[in-house]
Amino acid sequence: QVQLVESGGGLVQAGVSLRLSCAASTRTFSTYAMGWFRQAPGKEREFVATVGWSGSATYYADSVQGRFTISRDNAQNTVYLQMNSLKPEGTAVYYCAAVLGFPGGCYSESQFRYWGQGTQVTVSS
């Protein structure tokens, strides 16, 4: 069982940056693909970004490409999501997720087995 704990959410103005963190409780963190998803009010949860085992392989949703950066620190069992130039439509609960395997990352929500409790990000205009 892997526990994921997100942090770093908050209320910010449009245009600013925010960094989310997700700490994982596993000794084999480096063998898990990690992902970030988000769910806006009244909408389904959607993929945001994923990172593979070493951190070199990343993949982003078109809506965040060029503004968000996913990274990981395997020594700290932590994955990050750096969010720049935030927009009001980025208001959502952001979830961290983990799946064993998938060295190149994974963008399929159904593949992820472990999920954090989510952290709220609210972007005001």
C-alpha atoms as a PDB file:
ATOM      1  CA  GLN A   1       0.000   0.000   0.000  1.00  0.00           C
ATOM      2  CA  VAL A   2       1.367   3.401  -1.010  1.00  0.00           C
ATOM      3  CA  GLN A   3       0.173   6.544   0.683  1.00  0.00           C
ATOM      4  CA  LEU A   4       0.410   9.843  -1.161  1.00  0.00           C
ATOM      5  CA  VAL A   5       0.163  13.208   0.545  1.00  0.00           C
ATOM      6  CA  GLU A   6      -0.139  16.372  -1.517  1.00  0.00           C
ATOM      7  CA  SER A   7       0.685  19.861  -0.337  1.00  0.00           C
ATOM      8  CA  GLY A   8       1.195  23.334  -1.733  1.00  0.00           C
ATOM      9  CA  GLY A   9      -2.271  24.278  -2.905  1.00  0.00           C
ATOM     10  CA  GLY A  10      -3.898  27.596  -2.128  1.00  0.00           C
ATOM     11  CA  LEU A  11      -5.608  30.713  -3.398  1.00  0.00           C
ATOM     12  CA  VAL A  12      -3.584  32.702  -5.895  1.00  0.00           C
ATOM     13  CA  GLN A  13      -4.119  35.355  -8.513  1.00  0.00           C
ATOM     14  CA  ALA A  14      -3.967  34.643 -12.204  1.00  0.00           C
ATOM     15  CA  GLY A  15      -0.498  34.841 -13.658  1.00  0.00           C
ATOM     16  CA  VAL A  16       1.436  33.769 -10.607  1.00  0.00           C
ATOM     17  CA  SER A  17       3.244  30.502  -9.928  1.00  0.00           C
ATOM     18  CA  LEU A  18       2.584  27.717  -7.471  1.00  0.00           C
ATOM     19  CA  ARG A  19       4.385  24.470  -6.735  1.00  0.00           C
ATOM     20  CA  LEU A  20       2.617  21.351  -5.574  1.00  0.00           C
ATOM     21  CA  SER A  21       4.397  18.532  -3.797  1.00  0.00           C
ATOM     22  CA  CYS A  22       3.422  14.926  -3.269  1.00  0.00           C
ATOM     23  CA  ALA A  23       5.239  12.706  -0.784  1.00  0.00           C
ATOM     24  CA  ALA A  24       5.011   8.949  -1.226  1.00  0.00           C
ATOM     25  CA  SER A  25       5.354   6.309   1.472  1.00  0.00           C
ATOM     26  CA  THR A  26       7.214   3.606  -0.398  1.00  0.00           C
ATOM     27  CA  ARG A  27      10.824   2.451  -0.448  1.00  0.00           C
ATOM     28  CA  THR A  28      10.548   1.594  -4.126  1.00  0.00           C
ATOM     29  CA  PHE A  29       9.388   5.014  -5.255  1.00  0.00           C
ATOM     30  CA  SER A  30      11.754   4.999  -8.212  1.00  0.00           C
ATOM     31  CA  THR A  31       9.815   2.130  -9.812  1.00  0.00           C
ATOM     32  CA  TYR A  32       6.526   3.998  -9.847  1.00  0.00           C
ATOM     33  CA  ALA A  33       5.308   6.250 -12.608  1.00  0.00           C
ATOM     34  CA  MET A  34       3.793   9.352 -11.071  1.00  0.00           C
ATOM     35  CA  GLY A  35       1.056  11.573 -12.341  1.00  0.00           C
ATOM     36  CA  TRP A  36      -0.920  14.676 -11.549  1.00  0.00           C
ATOM     37  CA  PHE A  37      -4.605  14.954 -12.301  1.00  0.00           C
ATOM     38  CA  ARG A  38      -7.155  17.649 -11.525  1.00  0.00           C
ATOM     39  CA  GLN A  39     -10.875  17.947 -11.107  1.00  0.00           C
ATOM     40  CA  ALA A  40     -12.614  21.254 -11.586  1.00  0.00           C
ATOM     41  CA  PRO A  41     -16.059  21.936 -10.075  1.00  0.00           C
ATOM     42  CA  GLY A  42     -18.735  20.119 -12.027  1.00  0.00           C
ATOM     43  CA  LYS A  43     -16.249  18.408 -14.313  1.00  0.00           C
ATOM     44  CA  GLU A  44     -14.617  15.020 -14.564  1.00  0.00           C
ATOM     45  CA  ARG A  45     -11.100  14.458 -13.353  1.00  0.00           C
ATOM     46  CA  GLU A  46      -8.535  15.024 -16.091  1.00  0.00           C
ATOM     47  CA  PHE A  47      -4.899  14.211 -16.737  1.00  0.00           C
ATOM     48  CA  VAL A  48      -2.361  17.000 -16.195  1.00  0.00           C
ATOM     49  CA  ALA A  49       1.142  15.502 -16.311  1.00  0.00           C
ATOM     50  CA  THR A  50       3.144  12.363 -15.793  1.00  0.00           C
ATOM     51  CA  VAL A  51       6.781  11.535 -15.137  1.00  0.00           C
ATOM     52  CA  GLY A  52       8.641   8.260 -15.599  1.00  0.00           C
ATOM     53  CA  TRP A  53      10.975   6.510 -13.233  1.00  0.00           C
ATOM     54  CA  SER A  54      14.111   8.575 -13.708  1.00  0.00           C
ATOM     55  CA  GLY A  55      12.396  11.896 -14.235  1.00  0.00           C
ATOM     56  CA  SER A  56      13.627  12.313 -17.785  1.00  0.00           C
ATOM     57  CA  ALA A  57      10.413  11.159 -19.439  1.00  0.00           C
ATOM     58  CA  THR A  58       7.530  13.567 -19.026  1.00  0.00           C
ATOM     59  CA  TYR A  59       4.221  14.125 -20.787  1.00  0.00           C
ATOM     60  CA  TYR A  60       1.680  16.913 -20.424  1.00  0.00           C
ATOM     61  CA  ALA A  61      -1.871  17.719 -21.277  1.00  0.00           C
ATOM     62  CA  ASP A  62      -2.091  20.255 -24.081  1.00  0.00           C
ATOM     63  CA  SER A  63      -3.791  22.724 -21.752  1.00  0.00           C
ATOM     64  CA  VAL A  64      -0.722  22.976 -19.496  1.00  0.00           C
ATOM     65  CA  GLN A  65       2.117  22.282 -21.933  1.00  0.00           C
ATOM     66  CA  GLY A  66       4.755  24.974 -21.624  1.00  0.00           C
ATOM     67  CA  ARG A  67       3.423  26.340 -18.332  1.00  0.00           C
ATOM     68  CA  PHE A  68       3.571  23.352 -15.972  1.00  0.00           C
ATOM     69  CA  THR A  69       6.585  21.201 -15.160  1.00  0.00           C
ATOM     70  CA  ILE A  70       6.483  17.844 -13.447  1.00  0.00           C
ATOM     71  CA  SER A  71       9.602  16.549 -11.711  1.00  0.00           C
ATOM     72  CA  ARG A  72      10.580  14.028  -9.087  1.00  0.00           C
ATOM     73  CA  ASP A  73      13.198  13.515  -6.420  1.00  0.00           C
ATOM     74  CA  ASN A  74      13.639   9.788  -5.904  1.00  0.00           C
ATOM     75  CA  ALA A  75      15.864  10.325  -2.894  1.00  0.00           C
ATOM     76  CA  GLN A  76      13.042  12.232  -1.189  1.00  0.00           C
ATOM     77  CA  ASN A  77      10.192  10.067  -2.533  1.00  0.00           C
ATOM     78  CA  THR A  78       8.532  13.211  -3.791  1.00  0.00           C
ATOM     79  CA  VAL A  79       7.007  14.400  -7.033  1.00  0.00           C
ATOM     80  CA  TYR A  80       6.416  18.054  -7.841  1.00  0.00           C
ATOM     81  CA  LEU A  81       4.229  20.076 -10.132  1.00  0.00           C
ATOM     82  CA  GLN A  82       5.513  23.547 -10.883  1.00  0.00           C
ATOM     83  CA  MET A  83       2.653  25.619 -12.214  1.00  0.00           C
ATOM     84  CA  ASN A  84       3.486  28.909 -13.899  1.00  0.00           C
ATOM     85  CA  SER A  85       1.219  31.515 -15.453  1.00  0.00           C
ATOM     86  CA  LEU A  86      -1.796  30.126 -13.678  1.00  0.00           C
ATOM     87  CA  LYS A  87      -5.181  30.789 -15.222  1.00  0.00           C
ATOM     88  CA  PRO A  88      -8.633  30.890 -13.569  1.00  0.00           C
ATOM     89  CA  GLU A  89      -9.567  27.732 -15.465  1.00  0.00           C
ATOM     90  CA  GLY A  90      -6.834  26.012 -13.503  1.00  0.00           C
ATOM     91  CA  THR A  91      -9.021  26.161 -10.420  1.00  0.00           C
ATOM     92  CA  ALA A  92      -9.449  22.552  -9.327  1.00  0.00           C
ATOM     93  CA  VAL A  93      -8.560  19.926  -6.813  1.00  0.00           C
ATOM     94  CA  TYR A  94      -5.198  18.527  -7.845  1.00  0.00           C
ATOM     95  CA  TYR A  95      -4.475  14.873  -7.217  1.00  0.00           C
ATOM     96  CA  CYS A  96      -1.209  13.007  -7.153  1.00  0.00           C
ATOM     97  CA  ALA A  97      -1.254   9.397  -8.356  1.00  0.00           C
ATOM     98  CA  ALA A  98       1.159   6.481  -8.530  1.00  0.00           C
ATOM     99  CA  VAL A  99       1.349   3.269 -10.504  1.00  0.00           C
ATOM    100  CA  LEU A 100       3.967   0.537 -10.261  1.00  0.00           C
ATOM    101  CA  GLY A 101       5.826   0.123 -13.522  1.00  0.00           C
ATOM    102  CA  PHE A 102       5.466   2.308 -16.611  1.00  0.00           C
ATOM    103  CA  PRO A 103       9.086   3.543 -16.671  1.00  0.00           C
ATOM    104  CA  GLY A 104       8.227   6.109 -19.300  1.00  0.00           C
ATOM    105  CA  GLY A 105       5.292   7.550 -17.401  1.00  0.00           C
ATOM    106  CA  CYS A 106       1.558   6.946 -17.708  1.00  0.00           C
ATOM    107  CA  TYR A 107      -1.296   9.235 -18.688  1.00  0.00           C
ATOM    108  CA  SER A 108      -4.185   6.798 -18.333  1.00  0.00           C
ATOM    109  CA  GLU A 109      -6.196   7.526 -15.205  1.00  0.00           C
ATOM    110  CA  SER A 110      -7.496   3.974 -15.041  1.00  0.00           C
ATOM    111  CA  GLN A 111      -3.957   2.588 -14.728  1.00  0.00           C
ATOM    112  CA  PHE A 112      -3.113   4.497 -11.554  1.00  0.00           C
ATOM    113  CA  ARG A 113      -3.659   2.461  -8.422  1.00  0.00           C
ATOM    114  CA  TYR A 114      -2.763   4.898  -5.663  1.00  0.00           C
ATOM    115  CA  TRP A 115      -4.193   8.370  -5.168  1.00  0.00           C
ATOM    116  CA  GLY A 116      -3.656  11.216  -2.772  1.00  0.00           C
ATOM    117  CA  GLN A 117      -6.441  13.062  -1.033  1.00  0.00           C
ATOM    118  CA  GLY A 118      -6.071  16.101  -3.280  1.00  0.00           C
ATOM    119  CA  THR A 119      -5.097  19.702  -2.723  1.00  0.00           C
ATOM    120  CA  GLN A 120      -7.245  22.664  -3.712  1.00  0.00           C
ATOM    121  CA  VAL A 121      -5.870  25.260  -6.102  1.00  0.00           C
ATOM    122  CA  THR A 122      -7.994  28.338  -6.650  1.00  0.00           C
ATOM    123  CA  VAL A 123      -6.940  30.922  -9.211  1.00  0.00           C
ATOM    124  CA  SER A 124      -8.701  34.260  -9.067  1.00  0.00           C
ATOM    125  CA  SER A 125      -8.944  36.576 -12.053  1.00  0.00           C
END
